[in-house]
């Protein structure tokens, strides 16, 4: 069972999150203006703040920075976003335009993303569906032909 963090830790986390959000907004503004070096410096300050205090960054900020060069990932400006699918898995490919670093993040629920084992989408157990099937329905013929 997880314990609730102490009051001091909660206050520290809130202060770090507030400062990180302010720095991230400034980094995005600077990147839009064209000063990418300063935006990358602000991004590295966000990471340093998180590492020095031991506070995890919010997901929106953590995923909004390039892991390699710390620049804010802005679609069409500093990053290229593409949708890719591979079998049942679909994911977003984010490529940083500054350093070429590629980030892949799944975005669609499918096989392996929360389906309960042994149940189909309709909710019926797989064993009962197999029992309802006739012997002759198999494309390879009866089971004894193998």
N, C-alpha and C. Protein backbone atom coordinates (compact mmCIF):
# COMPACT_ATOMS: atom_id res chain seq x y z
N UNK A 1 0.84 -1.18 0.00
CA UNK A 1 0.00 0.00 0.00
C UNK A 1 0.88 1.25 0.00
N UNK A 2 0.56 2.18 -0.87
CA UNK A 2 1.34 3.39 -0.97
C UNK A 2 0.99 4.35 0.15
N UNK A 3 2.02 4.94 0.71
CA UNK A 3 1.82 5.94 1.75
C UNK A 3 1.70 7.31 1.11
N UNK A 4 0.92 8.14 1.77
CA UNK A 4 0.75 9.51 1.31
C UNK A 4 2.04 10.28 1.61
N UNK A 5 2.55 11.05 0.62
CA UNK A 5 3.77 11.81 0.89
C UNK A 5 3.56 12.85 1.99
N UNK A 6 4.64 13.14 2.67
CA UNK A 6 4.54 14.12 3.76
C UNK A 6 4.18 15.50 3.21
N UNK A 7 3.80 16.36 4.11
CA UNK A 7 3.38 17.71 3.71
C UNK A 7 4.51 18.47 3.03
N UNK A 8 5.74 18.32 3.54
CA UNK A 8 6.89 19.02 2.94
C UNK A 8 7.14 18.54 1.52
N UNK A 9 7.02 17.23 1.31
CA UNK A 9 7.25 16.69 -0.03
C UNK A 9 6.17 17.15 -1.00
N UNK A 10 4.92 17.22 -0.55
CA UNK A 10 3.85 17.69 -1.42
C UNK A 10 4.05 19.15 -1.79
N UNK A 11 4.48 19.97 -0.83
CA UNK A 11 4.73 21.39 -1.11
C UNK A 11 5.89 21.53 -2.09
N UNK A 12 6.96 20.75 -1.87
CA UNK A 12 8.11 20.79 -2.77
C UNK A 12 7.70 20.37 -4.19
N UNK A 13 6.90 19.30 -4.29
CA UNK A 13 6.46 18.83 -5.60
C UNK A 13 5.64 19.91 -6.31
N UNK A 14 4.74 20.55 -5.58
CA UNK A 14 3.91 21.60 -6.18
C UNK A 14 4.76 22.78 -6.65
N UNK A 15 5.75 23.16 -5.86
CA UNK A 15 6.62 24.27 -6.27
C UNK A 15 7.44 23.91 -7.50
N UNK A 16 7.97 22.69 -7.54
CA UNK A 16 8.76 22.26 -8.70
C UNK A 16 7.86 22.22 -9.94
N UNK A 17 6.65 21.69 -9.82
CA UNK A 17 5.73 21.63 -10.96
C UNK A 17 5.38 23.02 -11.46
N UNK A 18 5.15 23.97 -10.54
CA UNK A 18 4.83 25.34 -10.96
C UNK A 18 6.00 25.96 -11.72
N UNK A 19 7.20 25.79 -11.17
CA UNK A 19 8.39 26.37 -11.82
C UNK A 19 8.65 25.69 -13.17
N UNK A 20 8.43 24.39 -13.23
CA UNK A 20 8.64 23.65 -14.49
C UNK A 20 7.65 24.12 -15.55
N UNK A 21 6.40 24.34 -15.16
CA UNK A 21 5.40 24.82 -16.13
C UNK A 21 5.76 26.22 -16.65
N UNK A 22 6.22 27.09 -15.76
CA UNK A 22 6.61 28.44 -16.17
C UNK A 22 7.79 28.37 -17.14
N UNK A 23 8.81 27.57 -16.79
CA UNK A 23 9.98 27.44 -17.66
C UNK A 23 9.61 26.81 -19.00
N UNK A 24 8.70 25.83 -18.98
CA UNK A 24 8.29 25.18 -20.23
C UNK A 24 7.55 26.17 -21.14
N UNK A 25 6.68 26.99 -20.56
CA UNK A 25 5.97 27.99 -21.36
C UNK A 25 6.95 28.98 -21.98
N UNK A 26 7.94 29.40 -21.21
CA UNK A 26 8.95 30.32 -21.75
C UNK A 26 9.77 29.65 -22.85
N UNK A 27 10.09 28.37 -22.66
CA UNK A 27 10.86 27.64 -23.67
C UNK A 27 10.08 27.54 -24.98
N UNK A 28 8.77 27.29 -24.89
CA UNK A 28 7.94 27.21 -26.10
C UNK A 28 7.88 28.57 -26.79
N UNK A 29 7.74 29.65 -26.01
CA UNK A 29 7.71 30.99 -26.60
C UNK A 29 9.01 31.30 -27.32
N UNK A 30 10.14 30.97 -26.70
CA UNK A 30 11.44 31.24 -27.30
C UNK A 30 11.64 30.40 -28.56
N UNK A 31 11.18 29.17 -28.54
CA UNK A 31 11.31 28.32 -29.73
C UNK A 31 10.48 28.88 -30.88
N UNK A 32 9.29 29.40 -30.56
CA UNK A 32 8.45 30.00 -31.61
C UNK A 32 9.08 31.28 -32.16
N UNK A 33 9.80 32.02 -31.31
CA UNK A 33 10.48 33.23 -31.78
C UNK A 33 11.69 32.90 -32.64
N UNK A 34 12.27 31.71 -32.46
CA UNK A 34 13.41 31.31 -33.27
C UNK A 34 14.70 31.12 -32.51
N UNK A 35 14.74 31.45 -31.24
CA UNK A 35 15.98 31.26 -30.47
C UNK A 35 15.96 29.86 -29.84
N UNK A 36 16.37 28.89 -30.66
CA UNK A 36 16.32 27.49 -30.24
C UNK A 36 17.36 27.15 -29.17
N UNK A 37 18.49 27.84 -29.19
CA UNK A 37 19.52 27.56 -28.18
C UNK A 37 19.03 27.95 -26.79
N UNK A 38 18.38 29.10 -26.69
CA UNK A 38 17.85 29.53 -25.40
C UNK A 38 16.71 28.62 -24.94
N UNK A 39 15.89 28.17 -25.88
CA UNK A 39 14.80 27.24 -25.54
C UNK A 39 15.36 25.91 -25.04
N UNK A 40 16.45 25.45 -25.66
CA UNK A 40 17.08 24.21 -25.20
C UNK A 40 17.69 24.38 -23.80
N UNK A 41 18.23 25.56 -23.54
CA UNK A 41 18.79 25.83 -22.20
C UNK A 41 17.69 25.82 -21.14
N UNK A 42 16.54 26.40 -21.47
CA UNK A 42 15.42 26.37 -20.53
C UNK A 42 14.94 24.94 -20.31
N UNK A 43 14.93 24.13 -21.36
CA UNK A 43 14.56 22.73 -21.23
C UNK A 43 15.52 21.96 -20.34
N UNK A 44 16.81 22.25 -20.48
CA UNK A 44 17.78 21.57 -19.61
C UNK A 44 17.66 22.05 -18.16
N UNK A 45 17.26 23.31 -17.95
CA UNK A 45 17.01 23.79 -16.59
C UNK A 45 15.83 23.04 -15.95
N UNK A 46 14.81 22.74 -16.76
CA UNK A 46 13.67 21.98 -16.24
C UNK A 46 14.13 20.60 -15.78
N UNK A 47 14.94 19.93 -16.60
CA UNK A 47 15.43 18.60 -16.23
C UNK A 47 16.33 18.65 -15.01
N UNK A 48 17.20 19.65 -14.94
CA UNK A 48 18.08 19.80 -13.78
C UNK A 48 17.28 20.02 -12.50
N UNK A 49 16.25 20.84 -12.59
CA UNK A 49 15.38 21.11 -11.44
C UNK A 49 14.73 19.82 -10.96
N UNK A 50 14.26 19.02 -11.88
CA UNK A 50 13.61 17.76 -11.53
C UNK A 50 14.60 16.78 -10.90
N UNK A 51 15.78 16.67 -11.50
CA UNK A 51 16.77 15.73 -10.98
C UNK A 51 17.33 16.16 -9.64
N UNK A 52 17.54 17.45 -9.44
CA UNK A 52 18.14 17.90 -8.18
C UNK A 52 17.19 17.78 -7.01
N UNK A 53 15.89 17.91 -7.27
CA UNK A 53 14.91 17.82 -6.18
C UNK A 53 14.34 16.41 -6.03
N UNK A 54 14.52 15.57 -7.04
CA UNK A 54 13.98 14.22 -6.97
C UNK A 54 12.49 14.16 -7.23
N UNK A 55 11.95 15.17 -7.89
CA UNK A 55 10.52 15.24 -8.18
C UNK A 55 10.32 14.87 -9.65
N UNK A 56 9.37 13.98 -9.91
CA UNK A 56 9.07 13.61 -11.29
C UNK A 56 8.32 14.75 -11.97
N UNK A 57 8.65 14.95 -13.23
CA UNK A 57 7.96 15.99 -14.00
C UNK A 57 6.58 15.51 -14.41
N UNK A 58 5.63 16.42 -14.60
CA UNK A 58 4.34 16.02 -15.15
C UNK A 58 4.53 15.43 -16.55
N UNK A 59 3.67 14.49 -16.91
CA UNK A 59 3.80 13.80 -18.19
C UNK A 59 3.77 14.76 -19.37
N UNK A 60 2.94 15.79 -19.29
CA UNK A 60 2.83 16.73 -20.41
C UNK A 60 4.16 17.45 -20.67
N UNK A 61 4.88 17.79 -19.61
CA UNK A 61 6.16 18.48 -19.77
C UNK A 61 7.24 17.47 -20.16
N UNK A 62 7.23 16.31 -19.53
CA UNK A 62 8.25 15.31 -19.81
C UNK A 62 8.21 14.86 -21.26
N UNK A 63 7.00 14.68 -21.79
CA UNK A 63 6.86 14.25 -23.18
C UNK A 63 6.98 15.42 -24.15
N UNK A 64 6.93 16.63 -23.65
CA UNK A 64 7.03 17.80 -24.51
C UNK A 64 8.45 18.25 -24.77
N UNK A 65 9.44 17.60 -24.13
CA UNK A 65 10.84 17.94 -24.33
C UNK A 65 11.56 16.78 -25.01
N UNK A 66 12.49 17.12 -25.89
CA UNK A 66 13.32 16.10 -26.53
C UNK A 66 14.27 15.53 -25.48
N UNK A 67 14.39 14.21 -25.45
CA UNK A 67 15.26 13.58 -24.47
C UNK A 67 16.73 13.79 -24.78
N UNK A 68 17.04 14.11 -26.01
CA UNK A 68 18.43 14.26 -26.41
C UNK A 68 18.92 15.70 -26.29
N UNK A 69 18.17 16.66 -26.83
CA UNK A 69 18.66 18.05 -26.85
C UNK A 69 17.83 19.00 -25.99
N UNK A 70 16.79 18.51 -25.31
CA UNK A 70 15.97 19.28 -24.37
C UNK A 70 15.20 20.44 -25.00
N UNK A 71 14.99 20.42 -26.29
CA UNK A 71 14.22 21.47 -26.93
C UNK A 71 12.73 21.10 -26.85
N UNK A 72 11.84 22.07 -26.70
CA UNK A 72 10.41 21.74 -26.69
C UNK A 72 9.97 21.22 -28.06
N UNK A 73 9.20 20.13 -28.06
CA UNK A 73 8.74 19.52 -29.30
C UNK A 73 7.43 20.16 -29.72
N UNK A 74 7.50 21.03 -30.72
CA UNK A 74 6.34 21.74 -31.23
C UNK A 74 6.05 21.20 -32.63
N UNK A 75 4.84 20.66 -32.87
CA UNK A 75 4.53 20.08 -34.17
C UNK A 75 4.69 21.09 -35.30
N UNK A 76 5.43 20.69 -36.33
CA UNK A 76 5.63 21.53 -37.49
C UNK A 76 6.75 22.54 -37.36
N UNK A 77 7.21 22.79 -36.16
CA UNK A 77 8.26 23.78 -35.95
C UNK A 77 9.57 23.10 -35.53
N UNK A 78 9.54 22.40 -34.43
CA UNK A 78 10.76 21.73 -33.96
C UNK A 78 10.63 20.22 -34.02
N UNK A 79 9.45 19.71 -34.41
CA UNK A 79 9.26 18.26 -34.46
C UNK A 79 8.29 17.89 -35.58
N UNK A 80 8.47 16.68 -36.08
CA UNK A 80 7.57 16.12 -37.08
C UNK A 80 6.80 14.98 -36.42
N UNK A 81 5.48 15.05 -36.48
CA UNK A 81 4.63 14.01 -35.88
C UNK A 81 4.03 13.18 -37.01
N UNK A 82 4.14 11.84 -36.89
CA UNK A 82 3.53 10.93 -37.86
C UNK A 82 2.84 9.80 -37.11
N UNK A 83 1.79 9.27 -37.71
CA UNK A 83 1.09 8.13 -37.15
C UNK A 83 1.53 6.89 -37.91
N UNK A 84 1.88 5.85 -37.20
CA UNK A 84 2.31 4.59 -37.81
C UNK A 84 1.56 3.45 -37.15
N UNK A 85 1.33 2.39 -37.92
CA UNK A 85 0.73 1.20 -37.34
C UNK A 85 1.55 0.00 -37.75
N UNK A 86 1.65 -0.94 -36.84
CA UNK A 86 2.41 -2.14 -37.07
C UNK A 86 1.60 -3.28 -36.50
N UNK A 87 0.87 -3.99 -37.36
CA UNK A 87 -0.03 -5.01 -36.87
C UNK A 87 -1.18 -4.36 -36.14
N UNK A 88 -1.45 -4.80 -34.94
CA UNK A 88 -2.54 -4.22 -34.16
C UNK A 88 -2.10 -2.99 -33.37
N UNK A 89 -0.81 -2.77 -33.27
CA UNK A 89 -0.29 -1.67 -32.46
C UNK A 89 -0.16 -0.41 -33.31
N UNK A 90 -0.68 0.70 -32.82
CA UNK A 90 -0.54 1.98 -33.49
C UNK A 90 0.25 2.91 -32.57
N UNK A 91 1.11 3.70 -33.16
CA UNK A 91 1.93 4.59 -32.34
C UNK A 91 2.24 5.87 -33.09
N UNK A 92 2.66 6.88 -32.32
CA UNK A 92 3.04 8.17 -32.85
C UNK A 92 4.56 8.20 -32.94
N UNK A 93 5.08 8.59 -34.09
CA UNK A 93 6.52 8.75 -34.26
C UNK A 93 6.80 10.24 -34.25
N UNK A 94 7.58 10.68 -33.29
CA UNK A 94 7.93 12.10 -33.16
C UNK A 94 9.43 12.22 -33.44
N UNK A 95 9.77 13.02 -34.43
CA UNK A 95 11.18 13.20 -34.80
C UNK A 95 11.57 14.64 -34.52
N UNK A 96 12.60 14.82 -33.70
CA UNK A 96 13.10 16.15 -33.39
C UNK A 96 13.84 16.69 -34.61
N UNK A 97 13.48 17.89 -35.04
CA UNK A 97 14.10 18.47 -36.23
C UNK A 97 15.51 18.97 -35.94
N UNK A 98 15.82 19.24 -34.69
CA UNK A 98 17.13 19.79 -34.35
C UNK A 98 18.21 18.71 -34.30
N UNK A 99 17.92 17.60 -33.60
CA UNK A 99 18.95 16.58 -33.41
C UNK A 99 18.62 15.26 -34.13
N UNK A 100 17.39 15.10 -34.61
CA UNK A 100 17.02 13.87 -35.31
C UNK A 100 16.59 12.73 -34.42
N UNK A 101 16.50 12.97 -33.12
CA UNK A 101 16.10 11.93 -32.17
C UNK A 101 14.66 11.51 -32.46
N UNK A 102 14.39 10.20 -32.39
CA UNK A 102 13.06 9.68 -32.70
C UNK A 102 12.43 9.15 -31.42
N UNK A 103 11.21 9.58 -31.15
CA UNK A 103 10.43 9.13 -30.01
C UNK A 103 9.23 8.36 -30.55
N UNK A 104 8.94 7.20 -29.98
CA UNK A 104 7.76 6.43 -30.39
C UNK A 104 6.87 6.22 -29.18
N UNK A 105 5.59 6.56 -29.33
CA UNK A 105 4.65 6.42 -28.22
C UNK A 105 3.38 5.74 -28.71
N UNK A 106 2.93 4.67 -28.07
CA UNK A 106 1.67 4.04 -28.47
C UNK A 106 0.51 4.98 -28.18
N UNK A 107 -0.50 4.95 -29.06
CA UNK A 107 -1.63 5.84 -28.86
C UNK A 107 -2.97 5.15 -28.97
N UNK A 108 -3.01 3.92 -29.40
CA UNK A 108 -4.28 3.26 -29.62
C UNK A 108 -4.33 1.97 -28.83
N UNK A 109 -5.45 1.75 -28.16
CA UNK A 109 -5.59 0.53 -27.39
C UNK A 109 -5.90 -0.62 -28.34
N UNK A 110 -5.22 -1.71 -28.16
CA UNK A 110 -5.43 -2.87 -29.00
C UNK A 110 -4.93 -4.10 -28.28
N UNK A 111 -4.43 -5.06 -29.01
CA UNK A 111 -3.93 -6.28 -28.40
C UNK A 111 -2.78 -5.94 -27.47
N UNK A 112 -2.86 -6.41 -26.26
CA UNK A 112 -1.81 -6.14 -25.29
C UNK A 112 -1.98 -4.84 -24.54
N UNK A 113 -3.04 -4.09 -24.79
CA UNK A 113 -3.25 -2.82 -24.11
C UNK A 113 -4.49 -2.83 -23.25
N UNK A 114 -4.76 -3.94 -22.57
CA UNK A 114 -5.88 -3.92 -21.65
C UNK A 114 -6.95 -4.94 -21.92
N UNK A 115 -6.80 -5.73 -23.00
CA UNK A 115 -7.77 -6.79 -23.21
C UNK A 115 -7.60 -7.84 -22.14
N UNK A 116 -8.71 -8.35 -21.65
CA UNK A 116 -8.65 -9.39 -20.64
C UNK A 116 -8.37 -10.70 -21.35
N UNK A 117 -7.40 -11.44 -20.83
CA UNK A 117 -7.02 -12.69 -21.46
C UNK A 117 -8.16 -13.69 -21.36
N UNK A 118 -8.47 -14.32 -22.48
CA UNK A 118 -9.52 -15.32 -22.48
C UNK A 118 -10.88 -14.77 -22.87
N UNK A 119 -10.99 -13.49 -23.09
CA UNK A 119 -12.26 -12.91 -23.49
C UNK A 119 -12.08 -12.13 -24.79
N UNK A 120 -13.12 -12.17 -25.61
CA UNK A 120 -13.08 -11.42 -26.86
C UNK A 120 -13.70 -10.05 -26.62
N UNK A 121 -13.85 -9.27 -27.69
CA UNK A 121 -14.44 -7.95 -27.56
C UNK A 121 -15.89 -8.03 -27.12
N UNK A 122 -16.60 -9.11 -27.52
CA UNK A 122 -18.00 -9.25 -27.14
C UNK A 122 -18.13 -9.67 -25.67
N UNK A 123 -17.08 -10.18 -25.10
CA UNK A 123 -17.12 -10.56 -23.70
C UNK A 123 -17.36 -12.04 -23.47
N UNK A 124 -17.61 -12.79 -24.53
CA UNK A 124 -17.85 -14.22 -24.37
C UNK A 124 -16.51 -14.94 -24.25
N UNK A 125 -16.43 -15.93 -23.36
CA UNK A 125 -15.18 -16.68 -23.25
C UNK A 125 -14.87 -17.41 -24.55
N UNK A 126 -13.59 -17.54 -24.86
CA UNK A 126 -13.17 -18.16 -26.12
C UNK A 126 -13.54 -19.64 -26.17
N UNK A 127 -13.49 -20.32 -25.05
CA UNK A 127 -13.77 -21.75 -25.05
C UNK A 127 -15.19 -22.04 -25.52
N UNK A 128 -16.15 -21.20 -25.15
CA UNK A 128 -17.53 -21.45 -25.55
C UNK A 128 -17.71 -21.20 -27.04
N UNK A 129 -16.98 -20.26 -27.62
CA UNK A 129 -17.07 -20.03 -29.06
C UNK A 129 -16.52 -21.22 -29.82
N UNK A 130 -15.44 -21.82 -29.31
CA UNK A 130 -14.87 -22.98 -29.97
C UNK A 130 -15.81 -24.17 -29.90
N UNK A 131 -16.51 -24.32 -28.80
CA UNK A 131 -17.42 -25.45 -28.65
C UNK A 131 -18.60 -25.33 -29.60
N UNK A 132 -19.01 -24.11 -29.93
CA UNK A 132 -20.13 -23.91 -30.83
C UNK A 132 -19.76 -24.20 -32.29
N UNK A 133 -18.47 -24.17 -32.63
CA UNK A 133 -18.04 -24.38 -34.00
C UNK A 133 -18.20 -25.84 -34.39
N UNK A 134 -18.60 -26.07 -35.61
CA UNK A 134 -18.76 -27.45 -36.10
C UNK A 134 -17.42 -27.97 -36.56
N UNK A 135 -17.30 -29.28 -36.64
CA UNK A 135 -16.06 -29.90 -37.11
C UNK A 135 -15.76 -29.54 -38.56
N UNK A 136 -16.77 -29.44 -39.39
CA UNK A 136 -16.58 -29.21 -40.81
C UNK A 136 -16.29 -27.76 -41.16
N UNK A 137 -16.42 -26.83 -40.22
CA UNK A 137 -16.20 -25.41 -40.50
C UNK A 137 -14.73 -25.08 -40.69
N UNK A 138 -13.86 -25.94 -40.21
CA UNK A 138 -12.43 -25.68 -40.32
C UNK A 138 -12.01 -25.77 -41.78
N UNK A 139 -11.25 -24.81 -42.27
CA UNK A 139 -10.84 -24.78 -43.67
C UNK A 139 -9.92 -25.94 -44.01
N UNK A 140 -9.17 -26.42 -43.02
CA UNK A 140 -8.25 -27.52 -43.27
C UNK A 140 -8.94 -28.87 -43.21
N UNK A 141 -10.22 -28.88 -42.94
CA UNK A 141 -10.95 -30.15 -42.86
C UNK A 141 -11.15 -30.59 -41.44
N UNK A 142 -11.51 -31.83 -41.27
CA UNK A 142 -11.75 -32.36 -39.94
C UNK A 142 -10.43 -32.45 -39.18
N UNK A 143 -10.50 -32.49 -37.89
CA UNK A 143 -9.29 -32.47 -37.06
C UNK A 143 -8.46 -33.73 -37.24
N UNK A 144 -9.06 -34.80 -37.66
CA UNK A 144 -8.31 -36.02 -37.83
C UNK A 144 -7.47 -36.05 -39.09
N UNK A 145 -7.61 -35.08 -40.01
CA UNK A 145 -6.89 -35.08 -41.28
C UNK A 145 -5.46 -34.59 -41.16
N UNK A 146 -5.07 -34.04 -40.03
CA UNK A 146 -3.74 -33.47 -39.89
C UNK A 146 -2.74 -34.50 -39.88
